[in-house]
Amino acid sequence: DLLANPPYPNFDLAQVAAVAQQYQGVPY
C-alpha cells in the first residue's frame, strides 16, 4: 500500500532517519 501511495514522495535521508524512530517499541 505504501509503495502504491508513498506518504513521502521526495526521498530524503534525514527524513528516513526521523520516520524510522517513530517505530521504537514495536516488538520483534
mmCIF file of all heavy atoms, coordinates in Angstrom:
data_MODEL
# 
_entry.id   MODEL 
# 
loop_
_atom_site.group_PDB 
_atom_site.id 
_atom_site.type_symbol 
_atom_site.label_atom_id 
_atom_site.label_alt_id 
_atom_site.label_comp_id 
_atom_site.label_asym_id 
_atom_site.label_entity_id 
_atom_site.label_seq_id 
_atom_site.pdbx_PDB_ins_code 
_atom_site.Cartn_x 
_atom_site.Cartn_y 
_atom_site.Cartn_z 
_atom_site.occupancy 
_atom_site.B_iso_or_equiv 
_atom_site.pdbx_formal_charge 
_atom_site.auth_seq_id 
_atom_site.auth_comp_id 
_atom_site.auth_asym_id 
_atom_site.auth_atom_id 
_atom_site.pdbx_PDB_model_num 
ATOM 1   N N   . ASP A 1 1  ? 0.831  -1.204  0.000  1.00 0.00 ? 1  ASP A N   1 
ATOM 2   C CA  . ASP A 1 1  ? 0.000  0.000   0.000  1.00 0.00 ? 1  ASP A CA  1 
ATOM 3   C C   . ASP A 1 1  ? 0.868  1.257   0.000  1.00 0.00 ? 1  ASP A C   1 
ATOM 4   O O   . ASP A 1 1  ? 0.570  2.244   -0.689 1.00 0.00 ? 1  ASP A O   1 
ATOM 5   C CB  . ASP A 1 1  ? -0.912 0.018   1.228  1.00 0.00 ? 1  ASP A CB  1 
ATOM 6   C CG  . ASP A 1 1  ? -1.915 -1.121  1.219  1.00 0.00 ? 1  ASP A CG  1 
ATOM 7   O OD1 . ASP A 1 1  ? -2.289 -1.582  0.123  1.00 0.00 ? 1  ASP A OD1 1 
ATOM 8   O OD2 . ASP A 1 1  ? -2.297 -1.567  2.335  1.00 0.00 ? 1  ASP A OD2 1 
ATOM 9   N N   . LEU A 1 2  ? 1.953  1.235   0.772  1.00 0.00 ? 2  LEU A N   1 
ATOM 10  C CA  . LEU A 1 2  ? 2.840  2.398   0.866  1.00 0.00 ? 2  LEU A CA  1 
ATOM 11  C C   . LEU A 1 2  ? 3.561  2.652   -0.455 1.00 0.00 ? 2  LEU A C   1 
ATOM 12  O O   . LEU A 1 2  ? 3.748  3.811   -0.865 1.00 0.00 ? 2  LEU A O   1 
ATOM 13  C CB  . LEU A 1 2  ? 3.853  2.192   1.990  1.00 0.00 ? 2  LEU A CB  1 
ATOM 14  C CG  . LEU A 1 2  ? 3.265  2.149   3.412  1.00 0.00 ? 2  LEU A CG  1 
ATOM 15  C CD1 . LEU A 1 2  ? 4.355  1.769   4.420  1.00 0.00 ? 2  LEU A CD1 1 
ATOM 16  C CD2 . LEU A 1 2  ? 2.640  3.490   3.786  1.00 0.00 ? 2  LEU A CD2 1 
ATOM 17  N N   . LEU A 1 3  ? 3.988  1.579   -1.094 1.00 0.00 ? 3  LEU A N   1 
ATOM 18  C CA  . LEU A 1 3  ? 4.679  1.740   -2.373 1.00 0.00 ? 3  LEU A CA  1 
ATOM 19  C C   . LEU A 1 3  ? 3.729  2.313   -3.425 1.00 0.00 ? 3  LEU A C   1 
ATOM 20  O O   . LEU A 1 3  ? 4.139  3.107   -4.296 1.00 0.00 ? 3  LEU A O   1 
ATOM 21  C CB  . LEU A 1 3  ? 5.243  0.401   -2.847 1.00 0.00 ? 3  LEU A CB  1 
ATOM 22  C CG  . LEU A 1 3  ? 6.434  -0.150  -2.051 1.00 0.00 ? 3  LEU A CG  1 
ATOM 23  C CD1 . LEU A 1 3  ? 6.782  -1.568  -2.508 1.00 0.00 ? 3  LEU A CD1 1 
ATOM 24  C CD2 . LEU A 1 3  ? 7.648  0.777   -2.197 1.00 0.00 ? 3  LEU A CD2 1 
ATOM 25  N N   . ALA A 1 4  ? 2.451  1.923   -3.339 1.00 0.00 ? 4  ALA A N   1 
ATOM 26  C CA  . ALA A 1 4  ? 1.477  2.426   -4.313 1.00 0.00 ? 4  ALA A CA  1 
ATOM 27  C C   . ALA A 1 4  ? 1.136  3.894   -4.051 1.00 0.00 ? 4  ALA A C   1 
ATOM 28  O O   . ALA A 1 4  ? 0.817  4.649   -4.985 1.00 0.00 ? 4  ALA A O   1 
ATOM 29  C CB  . ALA A 1 4  ? 0.211  1.571   -4.266 1.00 0.00 ? 4  ALA A CB  1 
ATOM 30  N N   . ASN A 1 5  ? 1.230  4.302   -2.832 1.00 0.00 ? 5  ASN A N   1 
ATOM 31  C CA  . ASN A 1 5  ? 0.894  5.691   -2.484 1.00 0.00 ? 5  ASN A CA  1 
ATOM 32  C C   . ASN A 1 5  ? 1.803  6.158   -1.352 1.00 0.00 ? 5  ASN A C   1 
ATOM 33  O O   . ASN A 1 5  ? 1.385  6.281   -0.206 1.00 0.00 ? 5  ASN A O   1 
ATOM 34  C CB  . ASN A 1 5  ? -0.570 5.775   -2.054 1.00 0.00 ? 5  ASN A CB  1 
ATOM 35  C CG  . ASN A 1 5  ? -1.035 7.192   -1.857 1.00 0.00 ? 5  ASN A CG  1 
ATOM 36  O OD1 . ASN A 1 5  ? -0.438 8.152   -2.385 1.00 0.00 ? 5  ASN A OD1 1 
ATOM 37  N ND2 . ASN A 1 5  ? -2.102 7.357   -1.074 1.00 0.00 ? 5  ASN A ND2 1 
ATOM 38  N N   . PRO A 1 6  ? 3.077  6.442   -1.650 1.00 0.00 ? 6  PRO A N   1 
ATOM 39  C CA  . PRO A 1 6  ? 4.035  6.794   -0.595 1.00 0.00 ? 6  PRO A CA  1 
ATOM 40  C C   . PRO A 1 6  ? 3.695  8.128   0.073  1.00 0.00 ? 6  PRO A C   1 
ATOM 41  O O   . PRO A 1 6  ? 3.432  9.124   -0.619 1.00 0.00 ? 6  PRO A O   1 
ATOM 42  C CB  . PRO A 1 6  ? 5.371  6.872   -1.347 1.00 0.00 ? 6  PRO A CB  1 
ATOM 43  C CG  . PRO A 1 6  ? 5.007  7.101   -2.762 1.00 0.00 ? 6  PRO A CG  1 
ATOM 44  C CD  . PRO A 1 6  ? 3.697  6.410   -2.979 1.00 0.00 ? 6  PRO A CD  1 
ATOM 45  N N   . PRO A 1 7  ? 3.693  8.161   1.410  1.00 0.00 ? 7  PRO A N   1 
ATOM 46  C CA  . PRO A 1 7  ? 3.404  9.427   2.116  1.00 0.00 ? 7  PRO A CA  1 
ATOM 47  C C   . PRO A 1 7  ? 4.541  10.444  1.989  1.00 0.00 ? 7  PRO A C   1 
ATOM 48  O O   . PRO A 1 7  ? 4.316  11.636  2.214  1.00 0.00 ? 7  PRO A O   1 
ATOM 49  C CB  . PRO A 1 7  ? 3.215  8.981   3.567  1.00 0.00 ? 7  PRO A CB  1 
ATOM 50  C CG  . PRO A 1 7  ? 3.898  7.663   3.678  1.00 0.00 ? 7  PRO A CG  1 
ATOM 51  C CD  . PRO A 1 7  ? 3.804  7.023   2.355  1.00 0.00 ? 7  PRO A CD  1 
ATOM 52  N N   . TYR A 1 8  ? 5.770  9.968   1.629  1.00 0.00 ? 8  TYR A N   1 
ATOM 53  C CA  . TYR A 1 8  ? 6.915  10.877  1.449  1.00 0.00 ? 8  TYR A CA  1 
ATOM 54  C C   . TYR A 1 8  ? 7.490  10.636  0.048  1.00 0.00 ? 8  TYR A C   1 
ATOM 55  O O   . TYR A 1 8  ? 8.459  9.912   -0.129 1.00 0.00 ? 8  TYR A O   1 
ATOM 56  C CB  . TYR A 1 8  ? 7.993  10.617  2.518  1.00 0.00 ? 8  TYR A CB  1 
ATOM 57  C CG  . TYR A 1 8  ? 7.464  10.692  3.945  1.00 0.00 ? 8  TYR A CG  1 
ATOM 58  C CD1 . TYR A 1 8  ? 7.162  9.515   4.645  1.00 0.00 ? 8  TYR A CD1 1 
ATOM 59  C CD2 . TYR A 1 8  ? 7.275  11.912  4.575  1.00 0.00 ? 8  TYR A CD2 1 
ATOM 60  C CE1 . TYR A 1 8  ? 6.682  9.569   5.948  1.00 0.00 ? 8  TYR A CE1 1 
ATOM 61  C CE2 . TYR A 1 8  ? 6.790  11.966  5.874  1.00 0.00 ? 8  TYR A CE2 1 
ATOM 62  C CZ  . TYR A 1 8  ? 6.492  10.784  6.564  1.00 0.00 ? 8  TYR A CZ  1 
ATOM 63  O OH  . TYR A 1 8  ? 6.006  10.841  7.832  1.00 0.00 ? 8  TYR A OH  1 
ATOM 64  N N   . PRO A 1 9  ? 6.897  11.268  -0.961 1.00 0.00 ? 9  PRO A N   1 
ATOM 65  C CA  . PRO A 1 9  ? 7.362  11.007  -2.337 1.00 0.00 ? 9  PRO A CA  1 
ATOM 66  C C   . PRO A 1 9  ? 8.746  11.556  -2.634 1.00 0.00 ? 9  PRO A C   1 
ATOM 67  O O   . PRO A 1 9  ? 9.431  11.067  -3.541 1.00 0.00 ? 9  PRO A O   1 
ATOM 68  C CB  . PRO A 1 9  ? 6.302  11.695  -3.207 1.00 0.00 ? 9  PRO A CB  1 
ATOM 69  C CG  . PRO A 1 9  ? 5.660  12.709  -2.326 1.00 0.00 ? 9  PRO A CG  1 
ATOM 70  C CD  . PRO A 1 9  ? 5.737  12.177  -0.946 1.00 0.00 ? 9  PRO A CD  1 
ATOM 71  N N   . ASN A 1 10 ? 9.211  12.528  -1.910 1.00 0.00 ? 10 ASN A N   1 
ATOM 72  C CA  . ASN A 1 10 ? 10.540 13.083  -2.126 1.00 0.00 ? 10 ASN A CA  1 
ATOM 73  C C   . ASN A 1 10 ? 11.518 12.437  -1.145 1.00 0.00 ? 10 ASN A C   1 
ATOM 74  O O   . ASN A 1 10 ? 11.410 12.619  0.075  1.00 0.00 ? 10 ASN A O   1 
ATOM 75  C CB  . ASN A 1 10 ? 10.535 14.600  -1.947 1.00 0.00 ? 10 ASN A CB  1 
ATOM 76  C CG  . ASN A 1 10 ? 9.615  15.303  -2.928 1.00 0.00 ? 10 ASN A CG  1 
ATOM 77  O OD1 . ASN A 1 10 ? 9.589  14.961  -4.119 1.00 0.00 ? 10 ASN A OD1 1 
ATOM 78  N ND2 . ASN A 1 10 ? 8.854  16.268  -2.441 1.00 0.00 ? 10 ASN A ND2 1 
ATOM 79  N N   . PHE A 1 11 ? 12.470 11.684  -1.678 1.00 0.00 ? 11 PHE A N   1 
ATOM 80  C CA  . PHE A 1 11 ? 13.393 10.945  -0.837 1.00 0.00 ? 11 PHE A CA  1 
ATOM 81  C C   . PHE A 1 11 ? 14.365 11.894  -0.135 1.00 0.00 ? 11 PHE A C   1 
ATOM 82  O O   . PHE A 1 11 ? 14.948 12.784  -0.764 1.00 0.00 ? 11 PHE A O   1 
ATOM 83  C CB  . PHE A 1 11 ? 14.184 9.936   -1.683 1.00 0.00 ? 11 PHE A CB  1 
ATOM 84  C CG  . PHE A 1 11 ? 15.095 9.055   -0.865 1.00 0.00 ? 11 PHE A CG  1 
ATOM 85  C CD1 . PHE A 1 11 ? 14.621 7.960   -0.173 1.00 0.00 ? 11 PHE A CD1 1 
ATOM 86  C CD2 . PHE A 1 11 ? 16.461 9.358   -0.762 1.00 0.00 ? 11 PHE A CD2 1 
ATOM 87  C CE1 . PHE A 1 11 ? 15.470 7.173   0.574  1.00 0.00 ? 11 PHE A CE1 1 
ATOM 88  C CE2 . PHE A 1 11 ? 17.304 8.570   -0.007 1.00 0.00 ? 11 PHE A CE2 1 
ATOM 89  C CZ  . PHE A 1 11 ? 16.815 7.470   0.676  1.00 0.00 ? 11 PHE A CZ  1 
ATOM 90  N N   . ASP A 1 12 ? 14.542 11.665  1.192  1.00 0.00 ? 12 ASP A N   1 
ATOM 91  C CA  . ASP A 1 12 ? 15.472 12.481  1.969  1.00 0.00 ? 12 ASP A CA  1 
ATOM 92  C C   . ASP A 1 12 ? 16.000 11.612  3.103  1.00 0.00 ? 12 ASP A C   1 
ATOM 93  O O   . ASP A 1 12 ? 15.215 11.081  3.903  1.00 0.00 ? 12 ASP A O   1 
ATOM 94  C CB  . ASP A 1 12 ? 14.745 13.709  2.526  1.00 0.00 ? 12 ASP A CB  1 
ATOM 95  C CG  . ASP A 1 12 ? 15.651 14.574  3.368  1.00 0.00 ? 12 ASP A CG  1 
ATOM 96  O OD1 . ASP A 1 12 ? 16.439 15.343  2.798  1.00 0.00 ? 12 ASP A OD1 1 
ATOM 97  O OD2 . ASP A 1 12 ? 15.573 14.445  4.622  1.00 0.00 ? 12 ASP A OD2 1 
ATOM 98  N N   . LEU A 1 13 ? 17.358 11.466  3.177  1.00 0.00 ? 13 LEU A N   1 
ATOM 99  C CA  . LEU A 1 13 ? 17.943 10.575  4.191  1.00 0.00 ? 13 LEU A CA  1 
ATOM 100 C C   . LEU A 1 13 ? 17.591 11.003  5.617  1.00 0.00 ? 13 LEU A C   1 
ATOM 101 O O   . LEU A 1 13 ? 17.293 10.156  6.468  1.00 0.00 ? 13 LEU A O   1 
ATOM 102 C CB  . LEU A 1 13 ? 19.462 10.518  4.019  1.00 0.00 ? 13 LEU A CB  1 
ATOM 103 C CG  . LEU A 1 13 ? 19.992 9.642   2.875  1.00 0.00 ? 13 LEU A CG  1 
ATOM 104 C CD1 . LEU A 1 13 ? 21.505 9.787   2.752  1.00 0.00 ? 13 LEU A CD1 1 
ATOM 105 C CD2 . LEU A 1 13 ? 19.618 8.166   3.132  1.00 0.00 ? 13 LEU A CD2 1 
ATOM 106 N N   . ALA A 1 14 ? 17.650 12.295  5.907  1.00 0.00 ? 14 ALA A N   1 
ATOM 107 C CA  . ALA A 1 14 ? 17.332 12.760  7.256  1.00 0.00 ? 14 ALA A CA  1 
ATOM 108 C C   . ALA A 1 14 ? 15.888 12.424  7.622  1.00 0.00 ? 14 ALA A C   1 
ATOM 109 O O   . ALA A 1 14 ? 15.583 12.039  8.765  1.00 0.00 ? 14 ALA A O   1 
ATOM 110 C CB  . ALA A 1 14 ? 17.572 14.259  7.362  1.00 0.00 ? 14 ALA A CB  1 
ATOM 111 N N   . GLN A 1 15 ? 14.975 12.533  6.606  1.00 0.00 ? 15 GLN A N   1 
ATOM 112 C CA  . GLN A 1 15 ? 13.575 12.189  6.853  1.00 0.00 ? 15 GLN A CA  1 
ATOM 113 C C   . GLN A 1 15 ? 13.422 10.692  7.085  1.00 0.00 ? 15 GLN A C   1 
ATOM 114 O O   . GLN A 1 15 ? 12.614 10.262  7.894  1.00 0.00 ? 15 GLN A O   1 
ATOM 115 C CB  . GLN A 1 15 ? 12.725 12.632  5.661  1.00 0.00 ? 15 GLN A CB  1 
ATOM 116 C CG  . GLN A 1 15 ? 11.223 12.519  5.891  1.00 0.00 ? 15 GLN A CG  1 
ATOM 117 C CD  . GLN A 1 15 ? 10.711 13.490  6.947  1.00 0.00 ? 15 GLN A CD  1 
ATOM 118 O OE1 . GLN A 1 15 ? 11.094 14.666  6.954  1.00 0.00 ? 15 GLN A OE1 1 
ATOM 119 N NE2 . GLN A 1 15 ? 9.849  12.997  7.828  1.00 0.00 ? 15 GLN A NE2 1 
ATOM 120 N N   . VAL A 1 16 ? 14.232 9.899   6.361  1.00 0.00 ? 16 VAL A N   1 
ATOM 121 C CA  . VAL A 1 16 ? 14.207 8.441   6.577  1.00 0.00 ? 16 VAL A CA  1 
ATOM 122 C C   . VAL A 1 16 ? 14.549 8.117   8.036  1.00 0.00 ? 16 VAL A C   1 
ATOM 123 O O   . VAL A 1 16 ? 13.882 7.307   8.693  1.00 0.00 ? 16 VAL A O   1 
ATOM 124 C CB  . VAL A 1 16 ? 15.198 7.728   5.624  1.00 0.00 ? 16 VAL A CB  1 
ATOM 125 C CG1 . VAL A 1 16 ? 15.367 6.262   6.022  1.00 0.00 ? 16 VAL A CG1 1 
ATOM 126 C CG2 . VAL A 1 16 ? 14.715 7.837   4.188  1.00 0.00 ? 16 VAL A CG2 1 
ATOM 127 N N   . ALA A 1 17 ? 15.610 8.746   8.566  1.00 0.00 ? 17 ALA A N   1 
ATOM 128 C CA  . ALA A 1 17 ? 16.025 8.503   9.943  1.00 0.00 ? 17 ALA A CA  1 
ATOM 129 C C   . ALA A 1 17 ? 14.931 8.924   10.928 1.00 0.00 ? 17 ALA A C   1 
ATOM 130 O O   . ALA A 1 17 ? 14.690 8.237   11.939 1.00 0.00 ? 17 ALA A O   1 
ATOM 131 C CB  . ALA A 1 17 ? 17.314 9.265   10.229 1.00 0.00 ? 17 ALA A CB  1 
ATOM 132 N N   . ALA A 1 18 ? 14.248 10.039  10.647 1.00 0.00 ? 18 ALA A N   1 
ATOM 133 C CA  . ALA A 1 18 ? 13.191 10.511  11.534 1.00 0.00 ? 18 ALA A CA  1 
ATOM 134 C C   . ALA A 1 18 ? 11.991 9.560   11.533 1.00 0.00 ? 18 ALA A C   1 
ATOM 135 O O   . ALA A 1 18 ? 11.424 9.244   12.576 1.00 0.00 ? 18 ALA A O   1 
ATOM 136 C CB  . ALA A 1 18 ? 12.760 11.918  11.108 1.00 0.00 ? 18 ALA A CB  1 
ATOM 137 N N   . VAL A 1 19 ? 11.603 9.073   10.344 1.00 0.00 ? 19 VAL A N   1 
ATOM 138 C CA  . VAL A 1 19 ? 10.473 8.129   10.259 1.00 0.00 ? 19 VAL A CA  1 
ATOM 139 C C   . VAL A 1 19 ? 10.809 6.829   10.982 1.00 0.00 ? 19 VAL A C   1 
ATOM 140 O O   . VAL A 1 19 ? 9.978  6.255   11.693 1.00 0.00 ? 19 VAL A O   1 
ATOM 141 C CB  . VAL A 1 19 ? 10.118 7.864   8.780  1.00 0.00 ? 19 VAL A CB  1 
ATOM 142 C CG1 . VAL A 1 19 ? 9.124  6.700   8.666  1.00 0.00 ? 19 VAL A CG1 1 
ATOM 143 C CG2 . VAL A 1 19 ? 9.541  9.123   8.138  1.00 0.00 ? 19 VAL A CG2 1 
ATOM 144 N N   . ALA A 1 20 ? 12.029 6.364   10.819 1.00 0.00 ? 20 ALA A N   1 
ATOM 145 C CA  . ALA A 1 20 ? 12.429 5.097   11.442 1.00 0.00 ? 20 ALA A CA  1 
ATOM 146 C C   . ALA A 1 20 ? 12.262 5.153   12.959 1.00 0.00 ? 20 ALA A C   1 
ATOM 147 O O   . ALA A 1 20 ? 11.843 4.176   13.599 1.00 0.00 ? 20 ALA A O   1 
ATOM 148 C CB  . ALA A 1 20 ? 13.872 4.779   11.075 1.00 0.00 ? 20 ALA A CB  1 
ATOM 149 N N   . GLN A 1 21 ? 12.552 6.320   13.576 1.00 0.00 ? 21 GLN A N   1 
ATOM 150 C CA  . GLN A 1 21 ? 12.499 6.429   15.039 1.00 0.00 ? 21 GLN A CA  1 
ATOM 151 C C   . GLN A 1 21 ? 11.066 6.432   15.583 1.00 0.00 ? 21 GLN A C   1 
ATOM 152 O O   . GLN A 1 21 ? 10.853 6.279   16.787 1.00 0.00 ? 21 GLN A O   1 
ATOM 153 C CB  . GLN A 1 21 ? 13.237 7.697   15.475 1.00 0.00 ? 21 GLN A CB  1 
ATOM 154 C CG  . GLN A 1 21 ? 14.738 7.626   15.192 1.00 0.00 ? 21 GLN A CG  1 
ATOM 155 C CD  . GLN A 1 21 ? 15.474 8.900   15.577 1.00 0.00 ? 21 GLN A CD  1 
ATOM 156 O OE1 . GLN A 1 21 ? 15.535 9.266   16.759 1.00 0.00 ? 21 GLN A OE1 1 
ATOM 157 N NE2 . GLN A 1 21 ? 16.021 9.592   14.584 1.00 0.00 ? 21 GLN A NE2 1 
ATOM 158 N N   . GLN A 1 22 ? 10.093 6.590   14.699 1.00 0.00 ? 22 GLN A N   1 
ATOM 159 C CA  . GLN A 1 22 ? 8.699  6.550   15.143 1.00 0.00 ? 22 GLN A CA  1 
ATOM 160 C C   . GLN A 1 22 ? 8.269  5.149   15.584 1.00 0.00 ? 22 GLN A C   1 
ATOM 161 O O   . GLN A 1 22 ? 7.251  5.011   16.273 1.00 0.00 ? 22 GLN A O   1 
ATOM 162 C CB  . GLN A 1 22 ? 7.780  7.021   14.005 1.00 0.00 ? 22 GLN A CB  1 
ATOM 163 C CG  . GLN A 1 22 ? 7.981  8.467   13.576 1.00 0.00 ? 22 GLN A CG  1 
ATOM 164 C CD  . GLN A 1 22 ? 7.135  8.828   12.364 1.00 0.00 ? 22 GLN A CD  1 
ATOM 165 O OE1 . GLN A 1 22 ? 6.285  8.041   11.922 1.00 0.00 ? 22 GLN A OE1 1 
ATOM 166 N NE2 . GLN A 1 22 ? 7.356  10.022  11.822 1.00 0.00 ? 22 GLN A NE2 1 
ATOM 167 N N   . TYR A 1 23 ? 9.043  4.140   15.212 1.00 0.00 ? 23 TYR A N   1 
ATOM 168 C CA  . TYR A 1 23 ? 8.617  2.756   15.463 1.00 0.00 ? 23 TYR A CA  1 
ATOM 169 C C   . TYR A 1 23 ? 9.349  2.109   16.651 1.00 0.00 ? 23 TYR A C   1 
ATOM 170 O O   . TYR A 1 23 ? 9.339  0.894   16.792 1.00 0.00 ? 23 TYR A O   1 
ATOM 171 C CB  . TYR A 1 23 ? 8.790  1.924   14.188 1.00 0.00 ? 23 TYR A CB  1 
ATOM 172 C CG  . TYR A 1 23 ? 7.942  2.447   13.058 1.00 0.00 ? 23 TYR A CG  1 
ATOM 173 C CD1 . TYR A 1 23 ? 8.503  3.195   12.015 1.00 0.00 ? 23 TYR A CD1 1 
ATOM 174 C CD2 . TYR A 1 23 ? 6.564  2.240   13.047 1.00 0.00 ? 23 TYR A CD2 1 
ATOM 175 C CE1 . TYR A 1 23 ? 7.723  3.713   10.999 1.00 0.00 ? 23 TYR A CE1 1 
ATOM 176 C CE2 . TYR A 1 23 ? 5.771  2.759   12.026 1.00 0.00 ? 23 TYR A CE2 1 
ATOM 177 C CZ  . TYR A 1 23 ? 6.360  3.494   11.015 1.00 0.00 ? 23 TYR A CZ  1 
ATOM 178 O OH  . TYR A 1 23 ? 5.563  4.007   10.009 1.00 0.00 ? 23 TYR A OH  1 
ATOM 179 N N   . GLN A 1 24 ? 9.934  2.945   17.493 1.00 0.00 ? 24 GLN A N   1 
ATOM 180 C CA  . GLN A 1 24 ? 10.560 2.383   18.695 1.00 0.00 ? 24 GLN A CA  1 
ATOM 181 C C   . GLN A 1 24 ? 9.490  1.698   19.559 1.00 0.00 ? 24 GLN A C   1 
ATOM 182 O O   . GLN A 1 24 ? 8.413  2.244   19.793 1.00 0.00 ? 24 GLN A O   1 
ATOM 183 C CB  . GLN A 1 24 ? 11.230 3.487   19.509 1.00 0.00 ? 24 GLN A CB  1 
ATOM 184 C CG  . GLN A 1 24 ? 12.430 4.122   18.825 1.00 0.00 ? 24 GLN A CG  1 
ATOM 185 C CD  . GLN A 1 24 ? 13.069 5.195   19.706 1.00 0.00 ? 24 GLN A CD  1 
ATOM 186 O OE1 . GLN A 1 24 ? 13.740 4.884   20.680 1.00 0.00 ? 24 GLN A OE1 1 
ATOM 187 N NE2 . GLN A 1 24 ? 12.856 6.451   19.347 1.00 0.00 ? 24 GLN A NE2 1 
ATOM 188 N N   . GLY A 1 25 ? 9.820  0.510   20.014 1.00 0.00 ? 25 GLY A N   1 
ATOM 189 C CA  . GLY A 1 25 ? 8.884  -0.242  20.854 1.00 0.00 ? 25 GLY A CA  1 
ATOM 190 C C   . GLY A 1 25 ? 8.092  -1.288  20.117 1.00 0.00 ? 25 GLY A C   1 
ATOM 191 O O   . GLY A 1 25 ? 7.411  -2.105  20.755 1.00 0.00 ? 25 GLY A O   1 
ATOM 192 N N   . VAL A 1 26 ? 8.151  -1.288  18.771 1.00 0.00 ? 26 VAL A N   1 
ATOM 193 C CA  . VAL A 1 26 ? 7.454  -2.360  18.041 1.00 0.00 ? 26 VAL A CA  1 
ATOM 194 C C   . VAL A 1 26 ? 8.146  -3.688  18.355 1.00 0.00 ? 26 VAL A C   1 
ATOM 195 O O   . VAL A 1 26 ? 9.369  -3.796  18.258 1.00 0.00 ? 26 VAL A O   1 
ATOM 196 C CB  . VAL A 1 26 ? 7.465  -2.087  16.519 1.00 0.00 ? 26 VAL A CB  1 
ATOM 197 C CG1 . VAL A 1 26 ? 6.873  -3.278  15.765 1.00 0.00 ? 26 VAL A CG1 1 
ATOM 198 C CG2 . VAL A 1 26 ? 6.682  -0.815  16.213 1.00 0.00 ? 26 VAL A CG2 1 
ATOM 199 N N   . PRO A 1 27 ? 7.408  -4.719  18.732 1.00 0.00 ? 27 PRO A N   1 
ATOM 200 C CA  . PRO A 1 27 ? 8.043  -5.992  19.092 1.00 0.00 ? 27 PRO A CA  1 
ATOM 201 C C   . PRO A 1 27 ? 8.667  -6.687  17.892 1.00 0.00 ? 27 PRO A C   1 
ATOM 202 O O   . PRO A 1 27 ? 8.213  -6.543  16.753 1.00 0.00 ? 27 PRO A O   1 
ATOM 203 C CB  . PRO A 1 27 ? 6.880  -6.818  19.663 1.00 0.00 ? 27 PRO A CB  1 
ATOM 204 C CG  . PRO A 1 27 ? 5.660  -6.234  19.033 1.00 0.00 ? 27 PRO A CG  1 
ATOM 205 C CD  . PRO A 1 27 ? 5.932  -4.762  18.889 1.00 0.00 ? 27 PRO A CD  1 
ATOM 206 N N   . TYR A 1 28 ? 9.709  -7.437  18.188 1.00 0.00 ? 28 TYR A N   1 
ATOM 207 C CA  . TYR A 1 28 ? 10.341 -8.239  17.142 1.00 0.00 ? 28 TYR A CA  1 
ATOM 208 C C   . TYR A 1 28 ? 9.447  -9.441  16.839 1.00 0.00 ? 28 TYR A C   1 
ATOM 209 O O   . TYR A 1 28 ? 9.000  -10.147 17.745 1.00 0.00 ? 28 TYR A O   1 
ATOM 210 C CB  . TYR A 1 28 ? 11.711 -8.735  17.602 1.00 0.00 ? 28 TYR A CB  1 
ATOM 211 C CG  . TYR A 1 28 ? 12.383 -9.628  16.582 1.00 0.00 ? 28 TYR A CG  1 
ATOM 212 C CD1 . TYR A 1 28 ? 13.237 -9.091  15.626 1.00 0.00 ? 28 TYR A CD1 1 
ATOM 213 C CD2 . TYR A 1 28 ? 12.142 -10.997 16.557 1.00 0.00 ? 28 TYR A CD2 1 
ATOM 214 C CE1 . TYR A 1 28 ? 13.848 -9.898  14.673 1.00 0.00 ? 28 TYR A CE1 1 
ATOM 215 C CE2 . TYR A 1 28 ? 12.741 -11.814 15.615 1.00 0.00 ? 28 TYR A CE2 1 
ATOM 216 C CZ  . TYR A 1 28 ? 13.599 -11.270 14.670 1.00 0.00 ? 28 TYR A CZ  1 
ATOM 217 O OH  . TYR A 1 28 ? 14.192 -12.071 13.729 1.00 0.00 ? 28 TYR A OH  1 
# 
